[in-house]
Amino acid sequence: MPTLLRSSRLVLAAALLSACASDRPYQAGADDSVSAPVDVGIDTGYVLSHVEFDDQGWFQDPRQRTALFARLQAMHHEKKSMLIVAYTHGWKHNAKEGDGNLRDFRKLLAQLTAIEKATRRPSGPRAVVGVYIGWRGSTIPIPIVENMTFWTRKNAAERVGSRSIKQLFVELNQFRAYANGWSASDQLAESKETQLVFIGHSFGGLVTYTALHSAILERGLQLDKTGRYRTAKSFGDFVLLVNPAFEGASYEPIWQAALSRGCYPRWQRPVMAIVTSRADNATRLAFPAGRFYTFAQSAPHEGERETMMHTVGHLERYRTHRLEMATDAGAPGTPLDADRPSTGASTMLGPFRLTKTERSKAMPAVPEHMPYLVIQAGPELIADHNDFWNDRFRDFTVRFIVRHILTPQDASAPLSEPGNAPAPQRRREDDGCPAFGAREPMQTAGLPQAK
């Protein structure tokens, strides 16, 4: 019997090893026999590039990065402005051709390309460039068994986010500044300029947040020479994290910085949005189960243990908005110009309603025009952990980015009656908020804000 038991274990171990996804690049550029990893859509009009990382956070093939920037440089020399979207996939996914995340990312790029082509700006449409960030989110592609990779993939995501991907993200942001003729990279681009958006899902949200959170924190606390806060800036132009799988304790520094700062200008653009579905059981139930070991760690402050156990999107402490389908609006796919101005607690984006969250009196008030949004989405928009690229949520994502990032004057203008032209976008170095002194409340309107 012991011999049989040992043999069974060996067979099981061999089966698991044979099923393991190898730590190698999936896309072109892996050897001299294949072309550079830049895919120019024949009928789509967008450019898609792949950059992959191994389990230690090293570039899988540095030539992928080289090919990406060679392509960007060539497009810049052709006098093209660009919309660059860098997407990091999540757990149980990779950069292999046919992966569902890669397929759905192409759909997003195609939709953004169609919007750019329909734009009437004098400078013409911008080129859409996608950067698909690959890492070993999937190591044992066997149903049920793959769930046991939670701990190793979370640790890998943290390593990837803290190493060479930082170089890639900084270089993308530096290229944006160079393409726009800026001397500093911490500015926000206008719709005619080259813009950069980061998107991450699941543990890919952890990768993205780990790489960018320090820079986002620093850009939210910058002062001008008079000691007043400057307008908070994103890294690039915007960061979107969907069903991100990281604990609320990691978000706490940005939350505390926002509370300490206390106020933002009426023209403040969103810096980062974290969207989590109420129906995401992977982050709502499985994630806290995987964090049980943290009970061995000290957590002396009220609410601290909860932030260690749960993801940021499932914590009322950080929630600022609720996202739902509106019963009094049209179906998804209605024209983008059907979006309506913000009115009080809610704003309409086509068939979608974004509403500020009511907070108890015992909880600290969220500053007006808070640029760090934590949004809870209904199951009709995101049915589960991996459902985020469905037609409805992709439609909302495009509408939100178009309104508040690609054409920010619509969102940054003072509240006006429907039909009135929005006030022009204002570029200001300070927002009138003193860093060390009494607060001066500003009676303004923009995105729906939590009280």
Protein backbone atom coordinates (compact mmCIF):
# COMPACT_ATOMS: atom_id res chain seq x y z
CA MET A 1 0.00 0.00 0.00
CA PRO A 2 2.73 2.59 0.82
CA THR A 3 4.35 1.82 -2.53
CA LEU A 4 1.04 2.33 -4.31
CA LEU A 5 0.51 5.60 -2.43
CA ARG A 6 3.95 6.88 -3.40
CA SER A 7 3.35 5.88 -7.01
CA SER A 8 0.02 7.73 -7.04
CA ARG A 9 1.69 10.85 -5.69
CA LEU A 10 4.39 10.64 -8.33
CA VAL A 11 1.82 10.23 -11.09
CA LEU A 12 -0.16 13.23 -9.76
CA ALA A 13 2.99 15.35 -9.48
CA ALA A 14 4.03 14.39 -13.01
CA ALA A 15 0.57 15.26 -14.34
CA LEU A 16 0.66 18.67 -12.67
CA LEU A 17 4.16 19.38 -13.92
CA SER A 18 3.24 18.41 -17.45
CA ALA A 19 0.21 20.71 -17.28
CA CYS A 20 2.20 23.70 -16.02
CA ALA A 21 2.39 26.63 -18.39
CA SER A 22 6.04 27.18 -19.27
CA ASP A 23 7.72 30.40 -18.27
CA ARG A 24 8.41 31.65 -21.79
CA PRO A 25 7.09 34.40 -24.07
CA TYR A 26 4.03 33.55 -26.14
CA GLN A 27 4.22 36.39 -28.64
CA ALA A 28 6.60 37.19 -31.48
CA GLY A 29 10.15 38.23 -30.70
CA ALA A 30 10.98 35.08 -28.75
CA ASP A 31 13.66 34.01 -31.24
CA ASP A 32 15.32 35.23 -34.40
CA SER A 33 12.95 33.29 -36.65
CA VAL A 34 9.87 35.35 -35.87
CA SER A 35 9.06 38.98 -36.49
CA ALA A 36 8.84 41.77 -33.97
CA PRO A 37 5.81 41.61 -31.61
CA VAL A 38 3.80 44.49 -33.07
CA ASP A 39 0.47 43.60 -34.66
CA VAL A 40 -0.95 46.24 -37.01
CA GLY A 41 -4.61 45.46 -37.59
CA ILE A 42 -5.35 45.16 -41.29
CA ASP A 43 -9.01 46.10 -41.03
CA THR A 44 -9.13 47.41 -37.46
CA GLY A 45 -6.86 50.42 -37.81
CA TYR A 46 -5.21 50.02 -34.40
CA VAL A 47 -1.72 48.85 -33.43
CA LEU A 48 -1.32 46.09 -30.83
CA SER A 49 1.99 45.37 -29.13
CA HIS A 50 2.90 42.70 -26.58
CA VAL A 51 5.37 42.99 -23.71
CA GLU A 52 5.72 39.96 -21.43
CA PHE A 53 7.33 39.38 -18.03
CA ASP A 54 8.52 36.24 -16.27
CA ASP A 55 7.79 35.15 -12.70
CA GLN A 56 10.63 37.27 -11.33
CA GLY A 57 9.42 40.42 -13.05
CA TRP A 58 12.11 40.41 -15.76
CA PHE A 59 11.34 41.10 -19.42
CA GLN A 60 10.64 37.77 -21.11
CA ASP A 61 12.26 39.13 -24.27
CA PRO A 62 13.62 42.72 -24.21
CA ARG A 63 13.13 42.86 -27.97
CA GLN A 64 9.38 43.13 -27.37
CA ARG A 65 9.94 46.41 -25.54
CA THR A 66 12.37 47.59 -28.24
CA ALA A 67 9.86 46.82 -31.00
CA LEU A 68 7.10 48.71 -29.16
CA PHE A 69 9.10 51.92 -28.82
CA ALA A 70 10.45 51.66 -32.35
CA ARG A 71 6.86 51.59 -33.56
CA LEU A 72 5.84 54.51 -31.32
CA GLN A 73 8.83 56.53 -32.51
CA ALA A 74 7.97 55.84 -36.16
CA MET A 75 4.37 56.97 -35.62
CA HIS A 76 5.57 60.13 -33.89
CA HIS A 77 7.85 60.91 -36.84
CA GLU A 78 4.77 60.58 -39.03
CA LYS A 79 3.27 63.45 -36.99
CA LYS A 80 0.62 61.20 -35.48
CA SER A 81 -0.87 61.81 -32.06
CA MET A 82 -1.80 58.62 -30.23
CA LEU A 83 -4.16 57.14 -27.68
CA ILE A 84 -2.06 54.49 -25.91
CA VAL A 85 -3.88 51.91 -23.77
CA ALA A 86 -1.74 49.54 -21.65
CA TYR A 87 -3.70 46.55 -20.32
CA THR A 88 -2.42 44.00 -17.77
CA HIS A 89 -4.40 40.75 -17.69
CA GLY A 90 -5.36 38.91 -14.53
CA TRP A 91 -5.26 35.54 -12.79
CA LYS A 92 -5.70 32.40 -14.95
CA HIS A 93 -4.78 34.29 -18.12
CA ASN A 94 -1.64 34.89 -20.17
CA ALA A 95 -0.45 36.37 -23.48
CA LYS A 96 -1.15 33.25 -25.51
CA GLU A 97 -3.01 33.81 -28.76
CA GLY A 98 -6.65 32.86 -28.20
CA ASP A 99 -6.72 33.93 -24.54
CA GLY A 100 -10.09 35.51 -23.75
CA ASN A 101 -8.55 38.65 -22.25
CA LEU A 102 -6.47 39.25 -25.37
CA ARG A 103 -9.49 38.75 -27.61
CA ASP A 104 -11.60 41.19 -25.58
CA PHE A 105 -8.80 43.76 -25.42
CA ARG A 106 -8.80 43.81 -29.22
CA LYS A 107 -12.54 44.60 -29.12
CA LEU A 108 -11.87 47.58 -26.85
CA LEU A 109 -9.14 48.85 -29.18
CA ALA A 110 -11.46 48.49 -32.18
CA GLN A 111 -14.19 50.47 -30.39
CA LEU A 112 -11.78 53.26 -29.43
CA THR A 113 -10.47 53.34 -33.01
CA ALA A 114 -14.00 53.77 -34.35
CA ILE A 115 -14.56 56.67 -31.95
CA GLU A 116 -11.30 58.34 -33.00
CA LYS A 117 -12.22 57.99 -36.69
CA ALA A 118 -15.59 59.63 -36.00
CA THR A 119 -13.99 62.55 -34.15
CA ARG A 120 -14.32 65.92 -35.86
CA ARG A 121 -11.24 67.56 -34.35
CA PRO A 122 -9.25 69.70 -36.83
CA SER A 123 -6.07 67.69 -36.26
CA GLY A 124 -7.85 64.51 -37.36
CA PRO A 125 -8.17 61.13 -35.59
CA ARG A 126 -5.39 59.83 -33.39
CA ALA A 127 -3.83 56.41 -33.82
CA VAL A 128 -4.92 53.87 -31.18
CA VAL A 129 -2.06 51.79 -29.76
CA GLY A 130 -2.68 48.85 -27.44
CA VAL A 131 0.02 47.40 -25.19
CA TYR A 132 -0.91 43.95 -23.87
CA ILE A 133 1.08 43.23 -20.69
CA GLY A 134 1.60 39.48 -20.32
CA TRP A 135 2.73 37.57 -17.22
CA ARG A 136 2.21 34.08 -15.81
CA GLY A 137 -1.31 34.56 -14.53
CA SER A 138 -2.01 30.96 -15.54
CA THR A 139 0.42 28.23 -14.50
CA ILE A 140 -1.70 25.08 -14.12
CA PRO A 141 -4.62 25.34 -16.59
CA ILE A 142 -6.65 22.58 -14.92
CA PRO A 143 -10.13 23.47 -13.59
CA ILE A 144 -10.41 23.47 -9.77
CA VAL A 145 -6.70 22.63 -9.39
CA GLU A 146 -5.87 26.06 -10.81
CA ASN A 147 -7.65 27.65 -7.84
CA MET A 148 -4.79 26.44 -5.64
CA THR A 149 -2.41 28.81 -7.44
CA PHE A 150 -3.94 31.81 -5.65
CA TRP A 151 -0.98 32.35 -3.31
CA THR A 152 1.79 31.78 -5.87
CA ARG A 153 0.11 34.01 -8.47
CA LYS A 154 -0.55 36.80 -5.97
CA ASN A 155 3.11 36.73 -4.94
CA ALA A 156 4.16 36.67 -8.60
CA ALA A 157 1.90 39.65 -9.38
CA GLU A 158 3.55 41.63 -6.57
CA ARG A 159 7.01 40.78 -7.92
CA VAL A 160 6.06 41.70 -11.49
CA GLY A 161 4.54 45.00 -10.36
CA SER A 162 7.62 46.00 -8.40
CA ARG A 163 10.31 45.24 -11.01
CA SER A 164 10.89 45.78 -14.74
CA ILE A 165 7.30 46.71 -15.53
CA LYS A 166 8.01 49.97 -13.69
CA GLN A 167 10.61 50.74 -16.35
CA LEU A 168 8.08 50.05 -19.11
CA PHE A 169 5.40 52.24 -17.53
CA VAL A 170 7.81 55.11 -16.86
CA GLU A 171 9.10 54.92 -20.44
CA LEU A 172 5.55 54.99 -21.82
CA ASN A 173 4.81 58.06 -19.75
CA GLN A 174 8.07 59.70 -20.80
CA PHE A 175 7.25 58.98 -24.45
CA ARG A 176 3.87 60.67 -23.94
CA ALA A 177 5.65 63.79 -22.66
CA TYR A 178 8.15 63.68 -25.53
CA ALA A 179 5.43 63.21 -28.14
CA ASN A 180 3.53 66.20 -26.73
CA GLY A 181 6.61 68.42 -26.56
CA TRP A 182 6.59 68.73 -22.78
CA SER A 183 9.58 69.17 -20.50
CA ALA A 184 7.82 67.36 -17.61
CA SER A 185 5.84 64.12 -17.65
CA ASP A 186 3.37 64.91 -14.85
CA GLN A 187 0.97 66.91 -17.02
CA LEU A 188 -2.47 65.94 -18.32
CA ALA A 189 -2.94 65.74 -22.07
CA GLU A 190 -5.80 67.23 -24.04
CA SER A 191 -7.90 65.29 -26.53
CA LYS A 192 -5.78 66.31 -29.53
CA GLU A 193 -2.53 65.24 -27.83
CA THR A 194 -1.02 61.82 -27.15
CA GLN A 195 -2.74 60.29 -24.13
CA LEU A 196 -1.92 57.23 -22.01
CA VAL A 197 -4.42 55.04 -20.13
CA PHE A 198 -3.57 52.06 -17.88
CA ILE A 199 -6.07 49.22 -17.28
CA GLY A 200 -5.63 46.19 -15.01
CA HIS A 201 -7.91 43.29 -14.05
CA SER A 202 -7.80 40.90 -11.07
CA PHE A 203 -4.15 40.22 -10.16
CA GLY A 204 -3.33 42.36 -13.19
CA GLY A 205 -4.91 45.19 -11.18
CA LEU A 206 -2.47 44.28 -8.41
CA VAL A 207 0.44 44.41 -10.89
CA THR A 208 -0.66 47.83 -12.18
CA TYR A 209 -1.38 49.27 -8.73
CA THR A 210 1.91 48.00 -7.30
CA ALA A 211 3.81 49.66 -10.15
CA LEU A 212 1.97 53.00 -10.03
CA HIS A 213 0.60 53.72 -6.57
CA SER A 214 3.67 55.57 -5.25
CA ALA A 215 3.72 57.90 -8.26
CA ILE A 216 -0.05 58.47 -7.99
CA LEU A 217 0.30 59.29 -4.29
CA GLU A 218 3.13 61.76 -4.98
CA ARG A 219 1.22 63.47 -7.82
CA GLY A 220 -1.75 64.00 -5.51
CA LEU A 221 0.26 65.87 -2.87
CA GLN A 222 2.39 68.21 -4.97
CA LEU A 223 2.55 71.84 -3.84
CA ASP A 224 3.17 75.03 -5.77
CA LYS A 225 5.59 77.67 -4.52
CA THR A 226 2.86 79.37 -2.45
CA GLY A 227 2.19 76.22 -0.43
CA ARG A 228 -1.08 75.33 -2.14
CA TYR A 229 -1.91 71.96 -3.59
CA ARG A 230 -1.58 71.55 -7.30
CA THR A 231 -4.29 69.73 -9.24
CA ALA A 232 -3.90 66.00 -8.58
CA LYS A 233 -2.45 64.18 -11.59
CA SER A 234 -2.62 60.58 -12.68
CA PHE A 235 0.32 58.56 -13.92
CA GLY A 236 -0.27 58.98 -17.62
CA ASP A 237 -3.81 60.31 -18.02
CA PHE A 238 -5.94 57.73 -16.20
CA VAL A 239 -5.78 54.38 -14.39
CA LEU A 240 -8.71 51.91 -14.42
CA LEU A 241 -8.67 48.78 -12.24
CA VAL A 242 -11.52 46.27 -12.63
CA ASN A 243 -12.23 43.65 -9.94
CA PRO A 244 -8.68 44.20 -8.67
CA ALA A 245 -7.37 41.52 -6.32
CA PHE A 246 -5.45 43.44 -3.69
CA GLU A 247 -6.27 44.17 -0.08
CA GLY A 248 -7.72 47.46 1.08
CA ALA A 249 -4.73 48.00 3.37
CA SER A 250 -2.62 48.65 0.27
CA TYR A 251 -5.05 51.41 -0.80
CA GLU A 252 -5.09 53.05 2.63
CA PRO A 253 -2.15 55.46 1.94
CA ILE A 254 -3.95 57.04 -1.04
CA TRP A 255 -7.20 57.19 0.94
CA GLN A 256 -5.51 58.88 3.90
CA ALA A 257 -3.67 61.31 1.61
CA ALA A 258 -6.99 62.35 0.02
CA LEU A 259 -8.57 62.91 3.45
CA SER A 260 -5.55 64.90 4.62
CA ARG A 261 -5.56 67.05 1.51
CA GLY A 262 -9.25 67.73 2.00
CA CYS A 263 -10.27 69.48 -1.23
CA TYR A 264 -9.88 69.37 -4.99
CA PRO A 265 -10.73 71.93 -7.70
CA ARG A 266 -13.91 71.82 -9.76
CA TRP A 267 -11.83 71.10 -12.88
CA GLN A 268 -10.21 68.07 -11.23
CA ARG A 269 -10.18 65.08 -13.58
CA PRO A 270 -10.41 61.47 -12.33
CA VAL A 271 -6.98 60.07 -11.51
CA MET A 272 -7.91 56.44 -10.88
CA ALA A 273 -11.13 54.41 -10.83
CA ILE A 274 -11.46 51.06 -9.09
CA VAL A 275 -14.58 49.18 -10.21
CA THR A 276 -15.68 46.01 -8.41
CA SER A 277 -18.82 43.97 -9.03
CA ARG A 278 -21.07 43.01 -6.14
CA ALA A 279 -21.28 39.60 -7.85
CA ASP A 280 -17.50 39.06 -7.94
CA ASN A 281 -17.25 36.09 -5.57
CA ALA A 282 -13.56 35.60 -6.37
CA THR A 283 -12.66 38.85 -4.61
CA ARG A 284 -15.64 38.87 -2.22
CA LEU A 285 -15.29 35.31 -0.85
CA ALA A 286 -12.22 33.51 -2.18
CA PHE A 287 -9.81 36.41 -1.59
CA PRO A 288 -10.52 36.73 2.16
CA ALA A 289 -10.25 32.95 2.49
CA GLY A 290 -6.80 33.15 0.93
CA ARG A 291 -5.84 35.91 3.37
CA PHE A 292 -6.64 33.88 6.51
CA TYR A 293 -2.94 33.62 7.36
CA THR A 294 -2.86 37.38 8.07
CA PHE A 295 -4.49 36.71 11.45
CA ALA A 296 -0.95 36.02 12.62
CA GLN A 297 -0.14 39.69 11.95
CA SER A 298 -0.86 42.56 14.32
CA ALA A 299 -3.69 44.95 13.42
CA PRO A 300 -4.31 47.21 16.47
CA HIS A 301 -6.47 49.91 14.85
CA GLU A 302 -10.22 49.83 14.37
CA GLY A 303 -11.10 48.50 10.91
CA GLU A 304 -7.50 47.56 10.13
CA ARG A 305 -8.08 43.80 10.18
CA GLU A 306 -10.96 44.15 7.72
CA THR A 307 -8.76 46.04 5.24
CA MET A 308 -6.17 43.26 5.46
CA MET A 309 -8.73 40.57 4.68
CA HIS A 310 -10.85 42.14 1.94
CA THR A 311 -10.17 43.75 -1.43
CA VAL A 312 -10.55 47.50 -1.71
CA GLY A 313 -13.73 47.28 -3.80
CA HIS A 314 -15.63 45.31 -1.15
CA LEU A 315 -14.90 47.72 1.69
CA GLU A 316 -17.47 50.40 2.51
CA ARG A 317 -14.63 52.42 4.03
CA TYR A 318 -13.33 53.36 0.56
CA ARG A 319 -16.46 53.25 -1.60
CA THR A 320 -17.39 56.50 -3.34
CA HIS A 321 -19.92 55.54 -6.06
CA ARG A 322 -22.44 52.98 -7.22
CA LEU A 323 -22.81 52.02 -10.90
CA GLU A 324 -26.07 50.62 -12.28
CA MET A 325 -28.10 50.34 -15.43
CA ALA A 326 -30.66 53.12 -15.46
CA THR A 327 -34.28 52.05 -15.89
CA ASP A 328 -35.15 55.40 -17.48
CA ALA A 329 -32.44 55.36 -20.18
CA GLY A 330 -31.90 53.73 -23.54
CA ALA A 331 -30.16 50.45 -24.21
CA PRO A 332 -26.38 50.02 -24.47
CA GLY A 333 -25.11 51.27 -27.78
CA THR A 334 -26.98 54.57 -27.64
CA PRO A 335 -24.92 57.43 -29.13
CA LEU A 336 -22.17 58.86 -26.98
CA ASP A 337 -23.71 62.31 -27.29
CA ALA A 338 -26.71 60.98 -25.34
CA ASP A 339 -24.69 61.39 -22.14
CA ARG A 340 -26.22 63.95 -19.83
CA PRO A 341 -24.63 66.48 -17.42
CA SER A 342 -24.10 65.67 -13.77
CA THR A 343 -27.07 66.63 -11.60
CA GLY A 344 -26.53 66.39 -7.88
CA ALA A 345 -25.94 62.87 -6.65
CA SER A 346 -25.97 61.12 -10.03
CA THR A 347 -24.58 61.43 -13.51
CA MET A 348 -25.82 59.67 -16.62
CA LEU A 349 -23.56 58.07 -19.19
CA GLY A 350 -26.01 56.84 -21.81
CA PRO A 351 -27.90 53.97 -20.15
CA PHE A 352 -25.61 53.95 -17.10
CA ARG A 353 -26.15 55.79 -13.82
CA LEU A 354 -23.17 56.63 -11.60
CA THR A 355 -24.39 57.64 -8.14
CA LYS A 356 -22.48 58.84 -5.11
CA THR A 357 -22.57 56.46 -2.16
CA GLU A 358 -24.33 57.50 1.02
CA ARG A 359 -21.92 57.25 3.94
CA SER A 360 -22.77 56.93 7.62
CA LYS A 361 -22.07 59.89 9.88
CA ALA A 362 -19.46 57.84 11.70
CA MET A 363 -17.37 57.61 8.54
CA PRO A 364 -15.17 60.49 7.34
CA ALA A 365 -16.59 62.56 4.52
CA VAL A 366 -15.08 62.12 1.07
CA PRO A 367 -13.58 65.38 -0.24
CA GLU A 368 -15.47 67.18 -2.99
CA HIS A 369 -14.30 66.26 -6.50
CA MET A 370 -12.37 63.28 -5.18
CA PRO A 371 -10.24 61.99 -8.10
CA TYR A 372 -9.80 58.47 -6.69
CA LEU A 373 -13.08 56.66 -7.37
CA VAL A 374 -14.03 53.33 -5.79
CA ILE A 375 -17.13 52.15 -7.63
CA GLN A 376 -19.39 49.22 -6.86
CA ALA A 377 -21.02 47.83 -10.02
CA GLY A 378 -24.24 45.85 -10.18
CA PRO A 379 -24.33 42.26 -11.49
CA GLU A 380 -26.23 43.41 -14.57
CA LEU A 381 -23.02 45.17 -15.62
CA ILE A 382 -20.40 42.67 -14.40
CA ALA A 383 -21.85 39.22 -13.68
CA ASP A 384 -18.76 37.71 -12.07
CA HIS A 385 -15.01 38.10 -11.69
CA ASN A 386 -14.14 37.55 -15.36
CA ASP A 387 -17.21 39.09 -17.01
CA PHE A 388 -15.86 42.64 -17.14
CA TRP A 389 -15.26 42.82 -20.92
CA ASN A 390 -18.90 42.14 -21.79
CA ASP A 391 -20.61 44.58 -24.17
CA ARG A 392 -22.31 46.56 -21.41
CA PHE A 393 -19.29 47.24 -19.22
CA ARG A 394 -17.06 47.86 -22.22
CA ASP A 395 -19.62 50.43 -23.38
CA PHE A 396 -19.53 52.12 -19.96
CA THR A 397 -15.71 52.08 -19.93
CA VAL A 398 -15.54 53.75 -23.33
CA ARG A 399 -18.17 56.36 -22.35
CA PHE A 400 -16.41 57.19 -19.09
CA ILE A 401 -12.98 57.49 -20.71
CA VAL A 402 -14.33 59.55 -23.62
CA ARG A 403 -16.21 61.95 -21.36
CA HIS A 404 -13.76 62.44 -18.52
CA ILE A 405 -10.36 61.68 -20.05
CA LEU A 406 -10.40 62.01 -23.85
CA THR A 407 -12.65 65.10 -23.82
CA PRO A 408 -12.19 66.35 -20.26
CA GLN A 409 -13.68 69.80 -20.83
CA ASP A 410 -17.13 68.19 -20.65
CA ALA A 411 -16.51 66.84 -17.16
CA SER A 412 -14.37 69.64 -15.77
CA ALA A 413 -16.70 72.50 -16.63
CA PRO A 414 -18.96 74.08 -14.00
CA LEU A 415 -22.43 72.57 -13.87
CA SER A 416 -24.60 74.00 -16.64
CA GLU A 417 -28.13 73.49 -17.82
CA PRO A 418 -28.66 70.87 -20.56
CA GLY A 419 -28.10 72.44 -23.96
CA ASN A 420 -25.58 75.01 -22.76
CA ALA A 421 -22.06 74.74 -24.14
CA PRO A 422 -19.57 73.56 -21.53
CA ALA A 423 -17.03 76.04 -20.26
CA PRO A 424 -13.57 75.61 -21.78
CA GLN A 425 -11.09 73.42 -19.96
CA ARG A 426 -8.86 75.37 -17.64
CA ARG A 427 -5.26 74.44 -17.00
CA ARG A 428 -4.23 75.60 -13.55
CA GLU A 429 -1.15 74.85 -11.47
CA ASP A 430 -2.95 75.23 -8.16
CA ASP A 431 -6.51 74.61 -7.05
CA GLY A 432 -6.79 77.18 -4.27
CA CYS A 433 -6.46 74.52 -1.54
CA PRO A 434 -3.86 75.49 1.07
CA ALA A 435 -1.70 72.59 2.20
CA PHE A 436 -0.99 73.97 5.66
CA GLY A 437 -3.84 76.13 6.83
CA ALA A 438 -7.59 76.57 6.97
CA ARG A 439 -9.71 74.93 4.33
CA GLU A 440 -11.79 77.06 1.99
CA PRO A 441 -14.79 75.04 0.76
CA MET A 442 -15.51 75.42 -2.94
CA GLN A 443 -19.16 75.32 -4.11
CA THR A 444 -18.64 73.64 -7.47
CA ALA A 445 -19.81 70.65 -9.49
CA GLY A 446 -18.25 68.01 -11.69
CA LEU A 447 -18.44 64.26 -11.28
CA PRO A 448 -21.02 63.11 -8.72
CA GLN A 449 -19.19 63.21 -5.43
CA ALA A 450 -19.64 61.25 -2.23
CA LYS A 451 -20.51 63.19 0.91
